[in-house]
């Protein structure tokens, strides 16, 4: 799914914490799907996919900034989420 698709889907409901959790979960599923599709076996490949999806997250932040004058999402928030789950992710 593209950033604009996520924006349209969650645009009005993202202020609800449950919806934010759903967004992160859906984007995390996209990481899993890409890893499976690309037949990745290495940690570095998964890290690359997480960074790729984080770029989409940042585009989503930009869409909120453009629409509302500010973003309710934190830039690099998807990467921060995964770094909290896997502390050695970007090392």
PDB file of N, CA and C in Angstrom:
ATOM      1  N   UNK A   1       0.846  -1.168   0.000  1.00  0.00           N
ATOM      2  CA  UNK A   1       0.000   0.000   0.000  1.00  0.00           C
ATOM      3  C   UNK A   1       0.900   1.241   0.000  1.00  0.00           C
ATOM      4  N   UNK A   2       0.481   2.256  -0.689  1.00  0.00           N
ATOM      5  CA  UNK A   2       1.238   3.494  -0.749  1.00  0.00           C
ATOM      6  C   UNK A   2       0.898   4.380   0.446  1.00  0.00           C
ATOM      7  N   UNK A   3       1.761   5.373   0.691  1.00  0.00           N
ATOM      8  CA  UNK A   3       1.549   6.285   1.813  1.00  0.00           C
ATOM      9  C   UNK A   3       0.200   6.991   1.703  1.00  0.00           C
ATOM     10  N   UNK A   4      -0.170   7.401   0.502  1.00  0.00           N
ATOM     11  CA  UNK A   4      -1.449   8.087   0.311  1.00  0.00           C
ATOM     12  C   UNK A   4      -2.624   7.171   0.638  1.00  0.00           C
ATOM     13  N   UNK A   5      -2.474   5.880   0.382  1.00  0.00           N
ATOM     14  CA  UNK A   5      -3.533   4.916   0.716  1.00  0.00           C
ATOM     15  C   UNK A   5      -3.693   4.789   2.230  1.00  0.00           C
ATOM     16  N   UNK A   6      -2.559   4.717   2.932  1.00  0.00           N
ATOM     17  CA  UNK A   6      -2.617   4.693   4.399  1.00  0.00           C
ATOM     18  C   UNK A   6      -3.240   5.985   4.920  1.00  0.00           C
ATOM     19  N   UNK A   7      -2.856   7.107   4.329  1.00  0.00           N
ATOM     20  CA  UNK A   7      -3.394   8.404   4.742  1.00  0.00           C
ATOM     21  C   UNK A   7      -4.909   8.428   4.585  1.00  0.00           C
ATOM     22  N   UNK A   8      -5.383   8.007   3.438  1.00  0.00           N
ATOM     23  CA  UNK A   8      -6.831   8.004   3.198  1.00  0.00           C
ATOM     24  C   UNK A   8      -7.563   7.046   4.141  1.00  0.00           C
ATOM     25  N   UNK A   9      -6.946   5.950   4.455  1.00  0.00           N
ATOM     26  CA  UNK A   9      -7.573   4.962   5.332  1.00  0.00           C
ATOM     27  C   UNK A   9      -7.637   5.442   6.785  1.00  0.00           C
ATOM     28  N   UNK A  10      -6.555   6.057   7.267  1.00  0.00           N
ATOM     29  CA  UNK A  10      -6.460   6.417   8.683  1.00  0.00           C
ATOM     30  C   UNK A  10      -6.595   7.915   8.951  1.00  0.00           C
ATOM     31  N   UNK A  11      -6.809   8.689   7.928  1.00  0.00           N
ATOM     32  CA  UNK A  11      -6.796  10.136   7.996  1.00  0.00           C
ATOM     33  C   UNK A  11      -7.625  10.735   9.127  1.00  0.00           C
ATOM     34  N   UNK A  12      -8.837  10.309   9.280  1.00  0.00           N
ATOM     35  CA  UNK A  12      -9.728  10.911  10.264  1.00  0.00           C
ATOM     36  C   UNK A  12      -9.718  10.193  11.610  1.00  0.00           C
ATOM     37  N   UNK A  13      -9.166   9.003  11.659  1.00  0.00           N
ATOM     38  CA  UNK A  13      -9.252   8.209  12.888  1.00  0.00           C
ATOM     39  C   UNK A  13      -7.911   8.025  13.594  1.00  0.00           C
ATOM     40  N   UNK A  14      -6.821   8.525  13.009  1.00  0.00           N
ATOM     41  CA  UNK A  14      -5.490   8.251  13.549  1.00  0.00           C
ATOM     42  C   UNK A  14      -5.277   8.867  14.930  1.00  0.00           C
ATOM     43  N   UNK A  15      -6.063   9.856  15.299  1.00  0.00           N
ATOM     44  CA  UNK A  15      -5.896  10.458  16.621  1.00  0.00           C
ATOM     45  C   UNK A  15      -6.246   9.471  17.726  1.00  0.00           C
ATOM     46  N   UNK A  16      -7.011   8.462  17.392  1.00  0.00           N
ATOM     47  CA  UNK A  16      -7.350   7.399  18.331  1.00  0.00           C
ATOM     48  C   UNK A  16      -6.167   6.440  18.425  1.00  0.00           C
ATOM     49  N   UNK A  17      -5.691   6.196  19.632  1.00  0.00           N
ATOM     50  CA  UNK A  17      -4.506   5.355  19.839  1.00  0.00           C
ATOM     51  C   UNK A  17      -4.686   3.955  19.264  1.00  0.00           C
ATOM     52  N   UNK A  18      -5.905   3.429  19.295  1.00  0.00           N
ATOM     53  CA  UNK A  18      -6.155   2.098  18.739  1.00  0.00           C
ATOM     54  C   UNK A  18      -5.900   2.098  17.237  1.00  0.00           C
ATOM     55  N   UNK A  19      -6.277   3.157  16.579  1.00  0.00           N
ATOM     56  CA  UNK A  19      -6.063   3.255  15.139  1.00  0.00           C
ATOM     57  C   UNK A  19      -4.583   3.404  14.817  1.00  0.00           C
ATOM     58  N   UNK A  20      -3.852   4.101  15.654  1.00  0.00           N
ATOM     59  CA  UNK A  20      -2.407   4.224  15.456  1.00  0.00           C
ATOM     60  C   UNK A  20      -1.750   2.858  15.579  1.00  0.00           C
ATOM     61  N   UNK A  21      -2.202   2.075  16.545  1.00  0.00           N
ATOM     62  CA  UNK A  21      -1.694   0.713  16.706  1.00  0.00           C
ATOM     63  C   UNK A  21      -2.002  -0.119  15.468  1.00  0.00           C
ATOM     64  N   UNK A  22      -3.203   0.040  14.920  1.00  0.00           N
ATOM     65  CA  UNK A  22      -3.577  -0.695  13.707  1.00  0.00           C
ATOM     66  C   UNK A  22      -2.681  -0.301  12.537  1.00  0.00           C
ATOM     67  N   UNK A  23      -2.377   0.990  12.437  1.00  0.00           N
ATOM     68  CA  UNK A  23      -1.504   1.464  11.357  1.00  0.00           C
ATOM     69  C   UNK A  23      -0.125   0.825  11.468  1.00  0.00           C
ATOM     70  N   UNK A  24       0.442   0.831  12.665  1.00  0.00           N
ATOM     71  CA  UNK A  24       1.769   0.231  12.873  1.00  0.00           C
ATOM     72  C   UNK A  24       1.720  -1.263  12.577  1.00  0.00           C
ATOM     73  N   UNK A  25       0.671  -1.936  13.022  1.00  0.00           N
ATOM     74  CA  UNK A  25       0.530  -3.365  12.763  1.00  0.00           C
ATOM     75  C   UNK A  25       0.408  -3.648  11.264  1.00  0.00           C
ATOM     76  N   UNK A  26      -0.362  -2.832  10.574  1.00  0.00           N
ATOM     77  CA  UNK A  26      -0.553  -3.044   9.140  1.00  0.00           C
ATOM     78  C   UNK A  26       0.758  -2.818   8.382  1.00  0.00           C
ATOM     79  N   UNK A  27       1.497  -1.803   8.773  1.00  0.00           N
ATOM     80  CA  UNK A  27       2.782  -1.550   8.121  1.00  0.00           C
ATOM     81  C   UNK A  27       3.790  -2.645   8.473  1.00  0.00           C
ATOM     82  N   UNK A  28       3.707  -3.181   9.673  1.00  0.00           N
ATOM     83  CA  UNK A  28       4.578  -4.288  10.075  1.00  0.00           C
ATOM     84  C   UNK A  28       4.253  -5.543   9.263  1.00  0.00           C
ATOM     85  N   UNK A  29       2.983  -5.750   8.983  1.00  0.00           N
ATOM     86  CA  UNK A  29       2.588  -6.871   8.121  1.00  0.00           C
ATOM     87  C   UNK A  29       3.175  -6.694   6.723  1.00  0.00           C
ATOM     88  N   UNK A  30       3.240  -5.450   6.286  1.00  0.00           N
ATOM     89  CA  UNK A  30       3.833  -5.181   4.975  1.00  0.00           C
ATOM     90  C   UNK A  30       5.316  -5.561   4.967  1.00  0.00           C
ATOM     91  N   UNK A  31       5.998  -5.331   6.103  1.00  0.00           N
ATOM     92  CA  UNK A  31       7.402  -5.751   6.225  1.00  0.00           C
ATOM     93  C   UNK A  31       7.491  -7.262   6.055  1.00  0.00           C
ATOM     94  N   UNK A  32       6.625  -7.992   6.749  1.00  0.00           N
ATOM     95  CA  UNK A  32       6.633  -9.453   6.661  1.00  0.00           C
ATOM     96  C   UNK A  32       6.354  -9.933   5.233  1.00  0.00           C
ATOM     97  N   UNK A  33       5.367  -9.304   4.594  1.00  0.00           N
ATOM     98  CA  UNK A  33       5.015  -9.695   3.230  1.00  0.00           C
ATOM     99  C   UNK A  33       6.163  -9.452   2.261  1.00  0.00           C
ATOM    100  N   UNK A  34       6.812  -8.299   2.389  1.00  0.00           N
ATOM    101  CA  UNK A  34       7.945  -7.996   1.515  1.00  0.00           C
ATOM    102  C   UNK A  34       9.106  -8.955   1.755  1.00  0.00           C
ATOM    103  N   UNK A  35       9.348  -9.276   3.020  1.00  0.00           N
ATOM    104  CA  UNK A  35      10.431 -10.213   3.338  1.00  0.00           C
ATOM    105  C   UNK A  35      10.143 -11.584   2.723  1.00  0.00           C
ATOM    106  N   UNK A  36       8.908 -12.003   2.803  1.00  0.00           N
ATOM    107  CA  UNK A  36       8.528 -13.293   2.219  1.00  0.00           C
ATOM    108  C   UNK A  36       8.624 -13.246   0.696  1.00  0.00           C
ATOM    109  N   UNK A  37       8.104 -12.170   0.104  1.00  0.00           N
ATOM    110  CA  UNK A  37       8.114 -12.021  -1.352  1.00  0.00           C
ATOM    111  C   UNK A  37       9.543 -11.967  -1.890  1.00  0.00           C
ATOM    112  N   UNK A  38      10.438 -11.302  -1.141  1.00  0.00           N
ATOM    113  CA  UNK A  38      11.825 -11.157  -1.587  1.00  0.00           C
ATOM    114  C   UNK A  38      12.705 -12.322  -1.138  1.00  0.00           C
ATOM    115  N   UNK A  39      12.089 -13.261  -0.426  1.00  0.00           N
ATOM    116  CA  UNK A  39      12.796 -14.442   0.049  1.00  0.00           C
ATOM    117  C   UNK A  39      14.062 -14.073   0.832  1.00  0.00           C
ATOM    118  N   UNK A  40      13.882 -13.167   1.785  1.00  0.00           N
ATOM    119  CA  UNK A  40      15.027 -12.700   2.568  1.00  0.00           C
ATOM    120  C   UNK A  40      15.316 -13.661   3.706  1.00  0.00           C
ATOM    121  N   UNK A  41      16.577 -13.904   3.908  1.00  0.00           N
ATOM    122  CA  UNK A  41      17.010 -14.779   4.996  1.00  0.00           C
ATOM    123  C   UNK A  41      17.896 -14.061   5.999  1.00  0.00           C
ATOM    124  N   UNK A  42      18.408 -12.911   5.642  1.00  0.00           N
ATOM    125  CA  UNK A  42      19.371 -12.243   6.509  1.00  0.00           C
ATOM    126  C   UNK A  42      18.726 -11.106   7.306  1.00  0.00           C
ATOM    127  N   UNK A  43      19.323 -10.837   8.455  1.00  0.00           N
ATOM    128  CA  UNK A  43      18.855  -9.733   9.285  1.00  0.00           C
ATOM    129  C   UNK A  43      18.995  -8.401   8.560  1.00  0.00           C
ATOM    130  N   UNK A  44      20.087  -8.248   7.816  1.00  0.00           N
ATOM    131  CA  UNK A  44      20.321  -6.976   7.127  1.00  0.00           C
ATOM    132  C   UNK A  44      19.246  -6.714   6.070  1.00  0.00           C
ATOM    133  N   UNK A  45      18.737  -7.753   5.453  1.00  0.00           N
ATOM    134  CA  UNK A  45      17.662  -7.589   4.472  1.00  0.00           C
ATOM    135  C   UNK A  45      16.376  -7.108   5.136  1.00  0.00           C
ATOM    136  N   UNK A  46      16.079  -7.672   6.294  1.00  0.00           N
ATOM    137  CA  UNK A  46      14.886  -7.258   7.028  1.00  0.00           C
ATOM    138  C   UNK A  46      15.046  -5.818   7.503  1.00  0.00           C
ATOM    139  N   UNK A  47      16.228  -5.447   7.944  1.00  0.00           N
ATOM    140  CA  UNK A  47      16.490  -4.069   8.362  1.00  0.00           C
ATOM    141  C   UNK A  47      16.258  -3.127   7.185  1.00  0.00           C
ATOM    142  N   UNK A  48      16.702  -3.510   6.012  1.00  0.00           N
ATOM    143  CA  UNK A  48      16.496  -2.686   4.818  1.00  0.00           C
ATOM    144  C   UNK A  48      15.006  -2.499   4.526  1.00  0.00           C
ATOM    145  N   UNK A  49      14.237  -3.554   4.693  1.00  0.00           N
ATOM    146  CA  UNK A  49      12.796  -3.463   4.456  1.00  0.00           C
ATOM    147  C   UNK A  49      12.143  -2.561   5.496  1.00  0.00           C
ATOM    148  N   UNK A  50      12.544  -2.677   6.739  1.00  0.00           N
ATOM    149  CA  UNK A  50      12.002  -1.813   7.796  1.00  0.00           C
ATOM    150  C   UNK A  50      12.315  -0.352   7.476  1.00  0.00           C
ATOM    151  N   UNK A  51      13.529  -0.081   7.021  1.00  0.00           N
ATOM    152  CA  UNK A  51      13.900   1.285   6.653  1.00  0.00           C
ATOM    153  C   UNK A  51      13.092   1.770   5.452  1.00  0.00           C
ATOM    154  N   UNK A  52      12.820   0.874   4.527  1.00  0.00           N
ATOM    155  CA  UNK A  52      11.998   1.215   3.365  1.00  0.00           C
ATOM    156  C   UNK A  52      10.583   1.606   3.791  1.00  0.00           C
ATOM    157  N   UNK A  53      10.004   0.823   4.682  1.00  0.00           N
ATOM    158  CA  UNK A  53       8.649   1.121   5.169  1.00  0.00           C
ATOM    159  C   UNK A  53       8.676   2.383   6.030  1.00  0.00           C
ATOM    160  N   UNK A  54       9.771   2.639   6.733  1.00  0.00           N
ATOM    161  CA  UNK A  54       9.900   3.862   7.509  1.00  0.00           C
ATOM    162  C   UNK A  54       9.872   5.093   6.595  1.00  0.00           C
ATOM    163  N   UNK A  55      10.434   4.968   5.400  1.00  0.00           N
ATOM    164  CA  UNK A  55      10.353   6.072   4.432  1.00  0.00           C
ATOM    165  C   UNK A  55       8.898   6.347   4.060  1.00  0.00           C
ATOM    166  N   UNK A  56       8.121   5.295   3.939  1.00  0.00           N
ATOM    167  CA  UNK A  56       6.690   5.441   3.662  1.00  0.00           C
ATOM    168  C   UNK A  56       6.010   6.132   4.849  1.00  0.00           C
ATOM    169  N   UNK A  57       6.420   5.755   6.071  1.00  0.00           N
ATOM    170  CA  UNK A  57       5.903   6.382   7.290  1.00  0.00           C
ATOM    171  C   UNK A  57       6.176   7.888   7.245  1.00  0.00           C
ATOM    172  N   UNK A  58       7.399   8.250   6.858  1.00  0.00           N
ATOM    173  CA  UNK A  58       7.764   9.663   6.806  1.00  0.00           C
ATOM    174  C   UNK A  58       6.977  10.407   5.734  1.00  0.00           C
ATOM    175  N   UNK A  59       6.687   9.747   4.625  1.00  0.00           N
ATOM    176  CA  UNK A  59       5.830  10.356   3.601  1.00  0.00           C
ATOM    177  C   UNK A  59       4.433  10.582   4.167  1.00  0.00           C
ATOM    178  N   UNK A  60       3.977   9.637   4.962  1.00  0.00           N
ATOM    179  CA  UNK A  60       2.684   9.767   5.620  1.00  0.00           C
ATOM    180  C   UNK A  60       2.693  10.971   6.565  1.00  0.00           C
ATOM    181  N   UNK A  61       3.786  11.154   7.294  1.00  0.00           N
ATOM    182  CA  UNK A  61       3.940  12.331   8.165  1.00  0.00           C
ATOM    183  C   UNK A  61       3.803  13.609   7.343  1.00  0.00           C
ATOM    184  N   UNK A  62       4.447  13.625   6.178  1.00  0.00           N
ATOM    185  CA  UNK A  62       4.374  14.789   5.295  1.00  0.00           C
ATOM    186  C   UNK A  62       2.963  15.066   4.804  1.00  0.00           C
ATOM    187  N   UNK A  63       2.209  14.010   4.541  1.00  0.00           N
ATOM    188  CA  UNK A  63       0.822  14.193   4.109  1.00  0.00           C
ATOM    189  C   UNK A  63      -0.020  14.824   5.216  1.00  0.00           C
ATOM    190  N   UNK A  64       0.204  14.403   6.461  1.00  0.00           N
ATOM    191  CA  UNK A  64      -0.502  15.013   7.587  1.00  0.00           C
ATOM    192  C   UNK A  64      -0.097  16.463   7.760  1.00  0.00           C
ATOM    193  N   UNK A  65       1.201  16.745   7.609  1.00  0.00           N
ATOM    194  CA  UNK A  65       1.676  18.123   7.729  1.00  0.00           C
ATOM    195  C   UNK A  65       1.042  19.007   6.656  1.00  0.00           C
ATOM    196  N   UNK A  66       0.957  18.503   5.449  1.00  0.00           N
ATOM    197  CA  UNK A  66       0.384  19.268   4.344  1.00  0.00           C
ATOM    198  C   UNK A  66      -1.108  19.508   4.567  1.00  0.00           C
ATOM    199  N   UNK A  67      -1.813  18.480   5.024  1.00  0.00           N
ATOM    200  CA  UNK A  67      -3.266  18.577   5.196  1.00  0.00           C
ATOM    201  C   UNK A  67      -3.663  19.396   6.426  1.00  0.00           C
ATOM    202  N   UNK A  68      -2.951  19.214   7.529  1.00  0.00           N
ATOM    203  CA  UNK A  68      -3.377  19.814   8.792  1.00  0.00           C
ATOM    204  C   UNK A  68      -2.409  20.861   9.343  1.00  0.00           C
ATOM    205  N   UNK A  69      -1.311  21.102   8.646  1.00  0.00           N
ATOM    206  CA  UNK A  69      -0.348  22.094   9.117  1.00  0.00           C
ATOM    207  C   UNK A  69       0.631  21.549  10.133  1.00  0.00           C
ATOM    208  N   UNK A  70       0.407  20.331  10.585  1.00  0.00           N
ATOM    209  CA  UNK A  70       1.328  19.654  11.499  1.00  0.00           C
ATOM    210  C   UNK A  70       1.060  18.165  11.399  1.00  0.00           C
ATOM    211  N   UNK A  71       2.026  17.396  11.832  1.00  0.00           N
ATOM    212  CA  UNK A  71       1.850  15.950  11.799  1.00  0.00           C
ATOM    213  C   UNK A  71       1.603  15.443  13.213  1.00  0.00           C
ATOM    214  N   UNK A  72       0.682  14.537  13.320  1.00  0.00           N
ATOM    215  CA  UNK A  72       0.457  13.918  14.623  1.00  0.00           C
ATOM    216  C   UNK A  72       1.334  12.681  14.780  1.00  0.00           C
ATOM    217  N   UNK A  73       2.055  12.344  13.728  1.00  0.00           N
ATOM    218  CA  UNK A  73       2.981  11.218  13.771  1.00  0.00           C
ATOM    219  C   UNK A  73       4.402  11.749  13.935  1.00  0.00           C
ATOM    220  N   UNK A  74       5.234  10.964  14.561  1.00  0.00           N
ATOM    221  CA  UNK A  74       6.636  11.329  14.762  1.00  0.00           C
ATOM    222  C   UNK A  74       7.436  10.844  13.562  1.00  0.00           C
ATOM    223  N   UNK A  75       8.237  11.725  12.997  1.00  0.00           N
ATOM    224  CA  UNK A  75       9.122  11.308  11.894  1.00  0.00           C
ATOM    225  C   UNK A  75      10.010  10.167  12.369  1.00  0.00           C
ATOM    226  N   UNK A  76      10.207   9.197  11.517  1.00  0.00           N
ATOM    227  CA  UNK A  76      10.966   7.980  11.816  1.00  0.00           C
ATOM    228  C   UNK A  76      10.326   7.144  12.923  1.00  0.00           C
ATOM    229  N   UNK A  77       9.052   7.376  13.179  1.00  0.00           N
ATOM    230  CA  UNK A  77       8.345   6.662  14.239  1.00  0.00           C
ATOM    231  C   UNK A  77       8.288   5.164  14.032  1.00  0.00           C
ATOM    232  N   UNK A  78       8.187   4.733  12.793  1.00  0.00           N
ATOM    233  CA  UNK A  78       8.146   3.299  12.516  1.00  0.00           C
ATOM    234  C   UNK A  78       9.484   2.656  12.852  1.00  0.00           C
ATOM    235  N   UNK A  79      10.562   3.328  12.492  1.00  0.00           N
ATOM    236  CA  UNK A  79      11.904   2.840  12.814  1.00  0.00           C
ATOM    237  C   UNK A  79      12.133   2.846  14.325  1.00  0.00           C
ATOM    238  N   UNK A  80      11.682   3.887  14.989  1.00  0.00           N
ATOM    239  CA  UNK A  80      11.805   3.982  16.453  1.00  0.00           C
ATOM    240  C   UNK A  80      11.053   2.830  17.117  1.00  0.00           C
ATOM    241  N   UNK A  81       9.860   2.531  16.611  1.00  0.00           N
ATOM    242  CA  UNK A  81       9.067   1.417  17.132  1.00  0.00           C
ATOM    243  C   UNK A  81       9.853   0.111  17.045  1.00  0.00           C
ATOM    244  N   UNK A  82      10.441  -0.160  15.870  1.00  0.00           N
ATOM    245  CA  UNK A  82      11.177  -1.402  15.687  1.00  0.00           C
ATOM    246  C   UNK A  82      12.498  -1.414  16.450  1.00  0.00           C
ATOM    247  N   UNK A  83      13.131  -0.269  16.611  1.00  0.00           N
ATOM    248  CA  UNK A  83      14.359  -0.209  17.416  1.00  0.00           C
ATOM    249  C   UNK A  83      14.061  -0.540  18.877  1.00  0.00           C
ATOM    250  N   UNK A  84      12.874  -0.163  19.352  1.00  0.00           N
ATOM    251  CA  UNK A  84      12.482  -0.494  20.721  1.00  0.00           C
ATOM    252  C   UNK A  84      12.256  -1.996  20.872  1.00  0.00           C
ATOM    253  N   UNK A  85      11.734  -2.623  19.834  1.00  0.00           N
ATOM    254  CA  UNK A  85      11.494  -4.074  19.864  1.00  0.00           C
ATOM    255  C   UNK A  85      12.782  -4.866  19.660  1.00  0.00           C
ATOM    256  N   UNK A  86      13.665  -4.348  18.801  1.00  0.00           N
ATOM    257  CA  UNK A  86      14.923  -5.022  18.484  1.00  0.00           C
ATOM    258  C   UNK A  86      16.050  -3.997  18.678  1.00  0.00           C
ATOM    259  N   UNK A  87      16.592  -3.893  19.889  1.00  0.00           N
ATOM    260  CA  UNK A  87      17.562  -2.838  20.206  1.00  0.00           C
ATOM    261  C   UNK A  87      18.777  -2.769  19.270  1.00  0.00           C
ATOM    262  N   UNK A  88      19.235  -3.838  18.723  1.00  0.00           N
ATOM    263  CA  UNK A  88      20.415  -3.818  17.859  1.00  0.00           C
ATOM    264  C   UNK A  88      20.059  -3.651  16.381  1.00  0.00           C
ATOM    265  N   UNK A  89      18.868  -3.207  16.114  1.00  0.00           N
ATOM    266  CA  UNK A  89      18.367  -3.145  14.756  1.00  0.00           C
ATOM    267  C   UNK A  89      19.251  -2.323  13.814  1.00  0.00           C
ATOM    268  N   UNK A  90      19.645  -1.153  14.193  1.00  0.00           N
ATOM    269  CA  UNK A  90      20.377  -0.288  13.276  1.00  0.00           C
ATOM    270  C   UNK A  90      21.870  -0.304  13.521  1.00  0.00           C
ATOM    271  N   UNK A  91      22.347  -1.186  14.349  1.00  0.00           N
ATOM    272  CA  UNK A  91      23.784  -1.258  14.619  1.00  0.00           C
ATOM    273  C   UNK A  91      24.455  -2.236  13.701  1.00  0.00           C
TER     274      UNK A  91
END
